[in-house]
Amino acid sequence: MSMNTYFEPGRNTWKVLCERAVTDDMLIDQRVAAIIDRVRADGDRSLLELAEEIDKVTLPALEVTDAEKTEAEAQVGDQIKAAIAIALDNIRKFHEAQRFTTVDIETSTGVRCVQKAVPLRRVGLYIPGGTAPLFSTVLMLAVPAKVAGCKEVILCTPTDRNGKVNPVVLYAALRCGVTNIYKVGGAQAIASMAYGTETIAKVDKIFGPGNRYVTKAKEHVSRDVSIDMPAGPSEVLVVADDTAVVEFVASDLLSQAEHGSDSQAILVCSTKEIADAVKAETMRQLELLPRKELTVKALEHSRLIVLGKREDQISFVNEYAPEHLILSIREPWDFAGNITAAGSVFIGNYSPESAGDYASGTNHTLPTSGWARSCSGVNLDSFTKKITYQELTKDGIRGLSDCIVTMAEAEGLDAHATACKVRIRID
């Protein structure tokens, strides 16, 4: 296995170099569609049946019981509890600082326009299980939901073969004040939150990462319910020059590659010597990883790219639009100021991507697969909607009437014009 290295690739090749791992999802698409149809038709019964068919577990009920919550809290060690407390506090601080300030302005005499942020009524959070139960994602989603003021937060997560939710996932949810927790995983969890069942309430928006089945299910239900963002496999792009610490850079590439076989790690560096050194160190550290088998597959479609000019590096980063961007270079803030497409940016040698994944305070639910060109990562705004208001006085409508009538009649919408004219006549 080797990561491919590209030396000063021409811009006509960048499109290919920016391609992510491509998988044929036709069969998955069909299976997901069938699962969604079952859940919509049969509700709770289908969820219990699918747990047996897919997860090989018989569940007496879907909702996590109070006894299970108590048991989970006792199972989590003090060290993890302390780490969760620190991370939760930092995430809350950062998201509380994002509170929207109401806009209230008189745009012209007698015309008042207002914009307010209103929390979503009910949101659904999906927390993956599988090879790496992401209890950190509970914090990243539940904390801003609570800060935003969402009245109801529903959490779905798969169980193990004994019908138990991962205790740390459960503990993190409880620390965030989430109590509506259900033992449902995969596409069926997304369907249950999108359309509702006898036990699980229909939500207004669904958040959370997942495997290809979950991602495809979110794509399907997005026709009927909002989702956080389009999602794909995890990715990182590291920019390095001769000030970078090779050991750090290699660990950053591997930390993203170990997410899964379809993850991607990209290095953009200024010289061949840096590329060679990072490659050698990456191979050395790879041998030490428990998740080596998955990581190797991810590295097979990862790349080392040598671009000597800083302006070319900036242009390539914006073309790739990485989920995570790490800048191990001179004057990183200057470089970052030219970036228009990235999910989250990590500045300097001592800012690993794992800090943002867990505890610095920024959110780790980020756009992938190039969506960072147009989408933001999850933030406080993700859990609110903006409503505008306007109030016109008699003087206000009188002052705008000529403008309104002229524009309405020009568009051939006479009733719009009349709605203004009658107010002026009565006045």
Protein backbone atom coordinates (compact mmCIF):
# COMPACT_ATOMS: atom_id res chain seq x y z
CA MET A 1 0.00 0.00 0.00
CA SER A 2 1.25 3.49 -0.80
CA MET A 3 -0.16 6.97 -0.93
CA ASN A 4 0.26 8.47 -4.39
CA THR A 5 2.41 11.60 -4.69
CA TYR A 6 1.80 14.30 -7.31
CA PHE A 7 4.47 16.90 -8.15
CA GLU A 8 3.27 20.32 -9.31
CA PRO A 9 0.10 18.95 -10.94
CA GLY A 10 -1.39 21.24 -13.56
CA ARG A 11 -4.73 22.88 -12.84
CA ASN A 12 -6.31 20.77 -15.55
CA THR A 13 -5.74 17.74 -13.27
CA TRP A 14 -7.10 19.27 -10.06
CA LYS A 15 -10.65 18.11 -10.68
CA VAL A 16 -9.50 14.50 -10.63
CA LEU A 17 -7.28 15.09 -7.60
CA CYS A 18 -10.26 16.52 -5.73
CA GLU A 19 -12.43 13.45 -6.32
CA ARG A 20 -13.54 11.52 -3.25
CA ALA A 21 -13.92 7.77 -2.97
CA VAL A 22 -16.82 6.76 -5.20
CA THR A 23 -19.08 3.85 -4.33
CA ASP A 24 -22.00 2.33 -6.18
CA ASP A 25 -25.01 3.04 -3.97
CA MET A 26 -27.75 1.70 -6.27
CA LEU A 27 -28.39 -1.41 -4.17
CA ILE A 28 -28.20 0.60 -0.94
CA ASP A 29 -30.63 3.12 -2.40
CA GLN A 30 -33.15 0.36 -3.08
CA ARG A 31 -32.76 -1.19 0.35
CA VAL A 32 -33.11 2.18 2.09
CA ALA A 33 -36.23 3.03 0.12
CA ALA A 34 -37.77 -0.29 1.16
CA ILE A 35 -36.90 0.30 4.82
CA ILE A 36 -38.42 3.77 4.76
CA ASP A 37 -41.62 2.43 3.21
CA ARG A 38 -41.87 -0.25 5.92
CA VAL A 39 -41.44 2.26 8.72
CA ARG A 40 -44.00 4.63 7.24
CA ALA A 41 -46.51 1.80 6.88
CA ASP A 42 -45.95 -0.22 10.06
CA GLY A 43 -44.39 2.15 12.60
CA ASP A 44 -43.09 0.59 15.82
CA ARG A 45 -43.69 -2.96 14.61
CA SER A 46 -41.35 -2.46 11.66
CA LEU A 47 -38.65 -1.00 13.92
CA LEU A 48 -38.73 -4.03 16.20
CA GLU A 49 -38.74 -6.41 13.22
CA LEU A 50 -35.83 -4.59 11.56
CA ALA A 51 -33.84 -4.77 14.80
CA GLU A 52 -34.15 -8.55 14.63
CA GLU A 53 -33.49 -8.80 10.90
CA ILE A 54 -30.56 -6.38 10.64
CA ASP A 55 -29.06 -6.08 14.13
CA LYS A 56 -29.95 -9.62 15.28
CA VAL A 57 -31.40 -8.32 18.53
CA THR A 58 -34.84 -8.76 20.08
CA LEU A 59 -36.01 -5.59 21.81
CA PRO A 60 -38.84 -5.63 24.36
CA ALA A 61 -39.37 -1.91 23.74
CA LEU A 62 -37.86 0.96 21.75
CA GLU A 63 -37.38 3.57 24.46
CA VAL A 64 -34.45 3.44 26.85
CA THR A 65 -35.77 2.87 30.37
CA ASP A 66 -34.94 4.80 33.54
CA ALA A 67 -33.23 1.69 34.90
CA GLU A 68 -30.98 1.52 31.83
CA LYS A 69 -30.08 5.19 32.25
CA THR A 70 -29.09 4.61 35.87
CA GLU A 71 -27.10 1.52 34.91
CA ALA A 72 -25.24 3.38 32.17
CA GLU A 73 -24.23 6.19 34.52
CA ALA A 74 -22.74 3.66 36.90
CA GLN A 75 -20.79 1.97 34.09
CA VAL A 76 -18.98 5.12 32.89
CA GLY A 77 -15.63 5.74 34.55
CA ASP A 78 -14.75 8.94 36.36
CA GLN A 79 -12.05 9.87 33.84
CA ILE A 80 -14.49 9.83 30.91
CA LYS A 81 -17.07 11.69 32.98
CA ALA A 82 -14.53 14.42 33.72
CA ALA A 83 -13.52 14.65 30.03
CA ILE A 84 -17.15 14.93 28.97
CA ALA A 85 -17.70 17.71 31.51
CA ILE A 86 -14.79 19.76 30.10
CA ALA A 87 -15.85 19.24 26.49
CA LEU A 88 -19.49 19.99 27.26
CA ASP A 89 -18.54 23.26 28.98
CA ASN A 90 -16.37 24.44 26.06
CA ILE A 91 -18.97 23.49 23.45
CA ARG A 92 -21.68 25.29 25.39
CA LYS A 93 -19.55 28.45 25.76
CA PHE A 94 -18.80 28.62 22.04
CA HIS A 95 -22.39 28.06 20.97
CA GLU A 96 -23.84 30.45 23.54
CA ALA A 97 -21.58 33.13 22.03
CA GLN A 98 -23.35 32.59 18.70
CA ARG A 99 -26.72 33.85 19.94
CA PHE A 100 -28.43 35.91 17.28
CA THR A 101 -29.09 39.59 17.99
CA THR A 102 -32.59 40.62 16.93
CA VAL A 103 -32.66 43.09 14.04
CA ASP A 104 -35.14 45.93 14.52
CA ILE A 105 -34.84 48.80 12.08
CA GLU A 106 -36.94 51.54 10.47
CA THR A 107 -36.07 51.20 6.78
CA SER A 108 -37.99 54.37 5.89
CA THR A 109 -40.40 56.67 7.71
CA GLY A 110 -43.19 54.61 9.28
CA VAL A 111 -41.80 51.27 8.04
CA ARG A 112 -40.44 48.98 10.76
CA CYS A 113 -38.72 45.68 9.87
CA VAL A 114 -37.76 43.06 12.45
CA GLN A 115 -35.93 39.74 12.28
CA LYS A 116 -35.92 37.27 15.19
CA ALA A 117 -34.39 33.84 15.72
CA VAL A 118 -36.94 31.23 16.78
CA PRO A 119 -35.84 27.76 17.98
CA LEU A 120 -37.02 24.70 16.12
CA ARG A 121 -39.80 22.96 18.01
CA ARG A 122 -38.59 19.35 17.82
CA VAL A 123 -35.27 18.02 16.52
CA GLY A 124 -33.97 14.49 16.01
CA LEU A 125 -30.38 13.47 16.65
CA TYR A 126 -28.84 10.34 15.15
CA ILE A 127 -25.79 8.94 16.96
CA PRO A 128 -23.96 6.09 15.19
CA GLY A 129 -22.92 2.90 16.93
CA GLY A 130 -20.86 0.39 14.99
CA THR A 131 -17.07 0.28 15.25
CA ALA A 132 -16.79 3.69 16.94
CA PRO A 133 -19.81 4.83 18.99
CA LEU A 134 -19.60 8.61 18.69
CA PHE A 135 -20.57 9.89 22.12
CA SER A 136 -18.77 13.14 21.20
CA THR A 137 -21.43 13.73 18.55
CA VAL A 138 -24.06 13.70 21.29
CA LEU A 139 -22.38 16.79 22.76
CA MET A 140 -21.96 18.46 19.37
CA LEU A 141 -25.67 18.16 18.57
CA ALA A 142 -27.49 18.16 21.89
CA VAL A 143 -25.66 21.14 23.42
CA PRO A 144 -26.52 23.64 20.65
CA ALA A 145 -30.07 22.26 20.48
CA LYS A 146 -30.50 23.03 24.17
CA VAL A 147 -28.75 26.41 23.92
CA ALA A 148 -31.02 27.35 21.00
CA GLY A 149 -34.06 26.52 23.11
CA CYS A 150 -35.50 23.56 21.19
CA LYS A 151 -38.39 22.29 23.31
CA GLU A 152 -38.03 18.63 22.33
CA VAL A 153 -34.86 16.73 21.51
CA ILE A 154 -35.15 13.11 20.36
CA LEU A 155 -32.11 10.83 20.11
CA CYS A 156 -31.89 7.55 18.20
CA THR A 157 -28.92 5.22 18.38
CA PRO A 158 -28.37 1.50 17.69
CA THR A 159 -27.81 -1.11 20.38
CA ASP A 160 -25.32 -3.91 20.78
CA ARG A 161 -26.31 -7.58 20.35
CA ASN A 162 -27.63 -7.57 23.92
CA GLY A 163 -30.05 -4.74 23.19
CA LYS A 164 -28.01 -2.21 25.17
CA VAL A 165 -27.16 1.34 24.13
CA ASN A 166 -23.49 2.22 24.52
CA PRO A 167 -23.27 3.50 28.12
CA VAL A 168 -21.07 6.50 27.29
CA VAL A 169 -23.48 7.60 24.54
CA LEU A 170 -26.31 7.31 27.03
CA TYR A 171 -24.41 9.13 29.77
CA ALA A 172 -23.47 12.00 27.41
CA ALA A 173 -27.11 12.37 26.34
CA LEU A 174 -28.28 12.57 29.94
CA ARG A 175 -25.62 15.16 30.80
CA CYS A 176 -26.94 17.28 27.93
CA GLY A 177 -30.50 17.02 29.22
CA VAL A 178 -31.73 14.63 26.52
CA THR A 179 -34.16 12.09 27.94
CA ASN A 180 -36.15 10.90 24.89
CA ILE A 181 -33.71 8.20 23.78
CA TYR A 182 -34.63 5.31 21.48
CA LYS A 183 -32.95 2.04 20.48
CA VAL A 184 -33.12 2.45 16.74
CA GLY A 185 -30.25 2.51 14.28
CA GLY A 186 -29.60 2.81 10.58
CA ALA A 187 -32.01 3.97 7.89
CA GLN A 188 -34.98 2.94 10.03
CA ALA A 189 -33.98 5.48 12.70
CA ILE A 190 -33.95 8.27 10.14
CA ALA A 191 -37.34 7.16 8.79
CA SER A 192 -38.85 7.00 12.28
CA MET A 193 -37.81 10.57 13.08
CA ALA A 194 -38.84 11.85 9.65
CA TYR A 195 -42.35 10.40 9.66
CA GLY A 196 -43.06 9.42 13.25
CA THR A 197 -44.26 6.14 14.77
CA GLU A 198 -46.47 5.26 17.72
CA THR A 199 -43.51 5.79 20.07
CA ILE A 200 -41.20 8.21 18.25
CA ALA A 201 -42.52 11.67 17.41
CA LYS A 202 -42.01 13.22 13.97
CA VAL A 203 -39.31 15.88 14.12
CA ASP A 204 -38.80 19.14 12.26
CA LYS A 205 -35.13 18.55 11.44
CA ILE A 206 -32.71 15.61 11.59
CA PHE A 207 -29.06 15.90 12.58
CA GLY A 208 -26.18 13.48 12.76
CA PRO A 209 -23.64 11.41 10.81
CA GLY A 210 -23.82 7.77 9.89
CA ASN A 211 -22.88 5.07 7.42
CA ARG A 212 -23.97 4.91 3.78
CA TYR A 213 -27.43 3.63 4.75
CA VAL A 214 -27.99 6.53 7.14
CA THR A 215 -26.66 9.05 4.63
CA LYS A 216 -28.88 7.68 1.88
CA ALA A 217 -31.90 7.66 4.21
CA LYS A 218 -31.34 11.32 5.06
CA GLU A 219 -31.16 12.06 1.36
CA HIS A 220 -34.50 10.29 0.82
CA VAL A 221 -36.40 11.92 3.68
CA SER A 222 -35.04 15.40 2.94
CA ARG A 223 -37.95 15.71 0.53
CA ASP A 224 -40.25 15.78 3.57
CA VAL A 225 -38.16 16.97 6.53
CA SER A 226 -35.11 19.20 6.93
CA ILE A 227 -31.68 17.66 7.49
CA ASP A 228 -28.51 19.23 8.82
CA MET A 229 -26.51 18.99 5.58
CA PRO A 230 -25.48 16.65 2.76
CA ALA A 231 -22.93 14.22 4.16
CA GLY A 232 -20.28 11.84 2.96
CA PRO A 233 -17.13 10.14 4.25
CA SER A 234 -14.83 12.11 6.57
CA GLU A 235 -11.86 13.99 5.13
CA VAL A 236 -8.89 16.17 6.08
CA LEU A 237 -6.52 18.35 4.09
CA VAL A 238 -3.22 19.36 5.71
CA VAL A 239 -1.09 22.18 4.29
CA ALA A 240 2.54 21.91 5.39
CA ASP A 241 5.81 23.74 4.82
CA ASP A 242 9.26 23.39 6.40
CA THR A 243 7.93 24.72 9.72
CA ALA A 244 5.61 21.74 10.08
CA VAL A 245 6.41 18.89 12.47
CA VAL A 246 6.36 15.75 10.33
CA GLU A 247 5.21 13.54 13.20
CA PHE A 248 2.25 15.87 13.82
CA VAL A 249 1.25 15.97 10.16
CA ALA A 250 1.33 12.18 9.80
CA SER A 251 -0.80 11.76 12.92
CA ASP A 252 -3.34 14.26 11.53
CA LEU A 253 -3.64 12.34 8.27
CA LEU A 254 -4.10 9.05 10.09
CA SER A 255 -6.57 10.45 12.61
CA GLN A 256 -8.96 11.14 9.78
CA ALA A 257 -8.17 8.05 7.72
CA GLU A 258 -9.04 5.76 10.64
CA HIS A 259 -12.69 6.86 10.53
CA GLY A 260 -13.41 4.39 7.74
CA SER A 261 -12.26 2.81 4.50
CA ASP A 262 -13.89 5.55 2.43
CA SER A 263 -12.36 8.44 4.40
CA GLN A 264 -9.73 10.58 2.70
CA ALA A 265 -6.55 12.37 3.82
CA ILE A 266 -4.81 14.92 1.59
CA LEU A 267 -1.43 16.58 2.11
CA VAL A 268 -0.56 19.75 0.21
CA CYS A 269 3.07 20.69 0.82
CA SER A 270 5.75 22.94 -0.61
CA THR A 271 8.54 20.43 -1.38
CA LYS A 272 9.18 16.82 -2.34
CA GLU A 273 11.29 16.40 0.79
CA ILE A 274 8.31 17.21 3.02
CA ALA A 275 6.07 14.84 1.07
CA ASP A 276 8.59 12.00 1.35
CA ALA A 277 9.15 12.58 5.07
CA VAL A 278 5.42 12.69 5.83
CA LYS A 279 4.81 9.55 3.79
CA ALA A 280 7.51 7.63 5.64
CA GLU A 281 6.26 8.80 9.05
CA THR A 282 2.67 7.97 8.12
CA MET A 283 3.65 4.42 7.24
CA ARG A 284 5.56 4.10 10.53
CA GLN A 285 2.64 5.29 12.65
CA LEU A 286 0.19 3.19 10.65
CA GLU A 287 1.79 0.00 11.95
CA LEU A 288 0.89 1.03 15.51
CA LEU A 289 -2.83 1.56 14.92
CA PRO A 290 -5.46 -0.94 16.10
CA ARG A 291 -7.70 0.17 13.21
CA LYS A 292 -4.95 -0.42 10.66
CA GLU A 293 -7.07 -2.49 8.27
CA LEU A 294 -9.67 0.28 7.81
CA THR A 295 -7.00 2.98 7.71
CA VAL A 296 -5.00 1.27 4.97
CA LYS A 297 -8.03 1.26 2.70
CA ALA A 298 -8.58 4.98 3.29
CA LEU A 299 -4.94 5.76 2.50
CA GLU A 300 -5.22 3.97 -0.84
CA HIS A 301 -7.29 6.86 -2.17
CA SER A 302 -5.50 9.56 -0.19
CA ARG A 303 -2.91 11.82 -1.82
CA LEU A 304 0.30 13.79 -1.29
CA ILE A 305 0.43 16.88 -3.50
CA VAL A 306 3.48 19.12 -3.95
CA LEU A 307 2.67 22.72 -4.87
CA GLY A 308 5.54 25.15 -4.37
CA LYS A 309 3.58 28.39 -4.75
CA ARG A 310 1.43 29.57 -1.87
CA GLU A 311 -1.22 30.97 -4.22
CA ASP A 312 -1.53 27.54 -5.86
CA GLN A 313 -1.93 25.92 -2.46
CA ILE A 314 -4.73 28.36 -1.57
CA SER A 315 -6.47 27.76 -4.89
CA PHE A 316 -6.26 23.99 -4.51
CA VAL A 317 -7.68 24.09 -0.98
CA ASN A 318 -10.65 26.16 -2.18
CA GLU A 319 -11.15 23.76 -5.07
CA TYR A 320 -11.10 20.71 -2.80
CA ALA A 321 -13.25 22.39 -0.08
CA PRO A 322 -12.18 20.13 2.80
CA GLU A 323 -14.26 19.19 5.79
CA HIS A 324 -11.19 19.75 8.00
CA LEU A 325 -8.29 22.01 7.01
CA ILE A 326 -5.07 22.00 9.05
CA LEU A 327 -2.50 24.74 8.40
CA SER A 328 0.99 23.74 9.59
CA ILE A 329 2.74 26.63 7.88
CA ARG A 330 4.22 30.08 8.33
CA GLU A 331 1.67 32.89 8.79
CA PRO A 332 -1.28 30.49 8.91
CA TRP A 333 -3.85 33.19 9.70
CA ASP A 334 -2.88 35.02 6.51
CA PHE A 335 -3.39 31.80 4.55
CA ALA A 336 -6.69 31.14 6.32
CA GLY A 337 -7.93 34.62 5.40
CA ASN A 338 -7.89 33.54 1.75
CA ILE A 339 -9.86 30.34 2.30
CA THR A 340 -13.48 30.48 1.14
CA ALA A 341 -14.32 26.77 1.23
CA ALA A 342 -13.65 24.71 4.36
CA GLY A 343 -15.74 23.23 7.13
CA SER A 344 -13.40 23.97 10.02
CA VAL A 345 -9.84 25.35 10.01
CA PHE A 346 -7.09 24.36 12.46
CA ILE A 347 -4.33 26.92 12.81
CA GLY A 348 -0.70 26.00 13.50
CA ASN A 349 1.27 22.98 14.63
CA TYR A 350 -0.51 22.60 17.94
CA SER A 351 -4.10 22.51 16.65
CA PRO A 352 -4.92 18.89 15.76
CA GLU A 353 -8.22 18.06 14.11
CA SER A 354 -9.03 15.88 17.11
CA ALA A 355 -9.26 19.04 19.27
CA GLY A 356 -12.24 20.17 17.21
CA ASP A 357 -13.66 16.66 17.20
CA TYR A 358 -13.86 16.58 20.96
CA ALA A 359 -13.21 19.50 23.21
CA SER A 360 -12.08 22.88 21.86
CA GLY A 361 -15.68 24.07 21.56
CA THR A 362 -16.25 24.28 17.80
CA ASN A 363 -18.69 21.85 16.23
CA HIS A 364 -17.44 18.70 14.50
CA THR A 365 -20.54 18.12 12.36
CA LEU A 366 -19.22 19.54 9.11
CA PRO A 367 -19.89 19.50 5.35
CA THR A 368 -17.98 16.89 3.34
CA SER A 369 -17.58 15.91 -0.32
CA GLY A 370 -17.04 19.51 -1.44
CA TRP A 371 -20.20 20.85 0.20
CA ALA A 372 -18.04 23.26 2.20
CA ARG A 373 -18.19 25.50 -0.88
CA SER A 374 -21.79 26.33 -0.03
CA CYS A 375 -22.66 24.84 3.40
CA SER A 376 -21.67 25.69 6.95
CA GLY A 377 -21.04 23.17 9.66
CA VAL A 378 -23.60 22.73 12.41
CA ASN A 379 -23.86 25.81 14.61
CA LEU A 380 -26.47 27.51 16.76
CA ASP A 381 -28.27 28.81 13.68
CA SER A 382 -28.82 25.19 12.58
CA PHE A 383 -31.32 24.79 15.41
CA THR A 384 -33.24 28.00 14.75
CA LYS A 385 -35.17 29.63 11.98
CA LYS A 386 -35.37 33.34 11.27
CA ILE A 387 -38.76 35.00 11.12
CA THR A 388 -39.20 38.52 9.75
CA TYR A 389 -41.88 41.00 10.78
CA GLN A 390 -42.96 44.33 9.36
CA GLU A 391 -45.25 47.06 10.59
CA LEU A 392 -46.28 50.03 8.47
CA THR A 393 -48.01 53.09 9.86
CA LYS A 394 -50.36 55.24 7.79
CA ASP A 395 -47.40 57.44 6.90
CA GLY A 396 -45.36 54.34 6.10
CA ILE A 397 -47.82 52.88 3.57
CA ARG A 398 -48.43 56.32 2.11
CA GLY A 399 -44.73 56.84 1.58
CA LEU A 400 -44.22 53.45 -0.12
CA SER A 401 -47.49 53.26 -2.05
CA ASP A 402 -46.21 54.65 -5.37
CA CYS A 403 -43.25 52.26 -5.29
CA ILE A 404 -45.43 49.23 -4.43
CA VAL A 405 -48.14 49.99 -6.97
CA THR A 406 -45.64 50.67 -9.77
CA MET A 407 -43.79 47.39 -9.19
CA ALA A 408 -46.94 45.29 -8.74
CA GLU A 409 -48.59 46.61 -11.92
CA ALA A 410 -45.36 46.11 -13.86
CA GLU A 411 -45.47 42.44 -12.86
CA GLY A 412 -49.14 42.19 -13.83
CA LEU A 413 -50.26 41.51 -10.24
CA ASP A 414 -53.15 43.96 -9.95
CA ALA A 415 -54.47 42.58 -6.65
CA HIS A 416 -51.13 43.35 -5.06
CA ALA A 417 -51.46 46.94 -6.25
CA THR A 418 -55.05 47.15 -5.04
CA ALA A 419 -54.09 45.98 -1.55
CA CYS A 420 -52.00 49.13 -1.33
CA LYS A 421 -54.41 51.49 -3.13
CA VAL A 422 -57.39 50.70 -0.90
CA ARG A 423 -55.44 51.62 2.19
CA ILE A 424 -54.49 54.97 0.71
CA ARG A 425 -58.09 55.70 -0.40
CA ILE A 426 -59.57 54.87 3.00
CA ASP A 427 -56.93 56.95 4.69
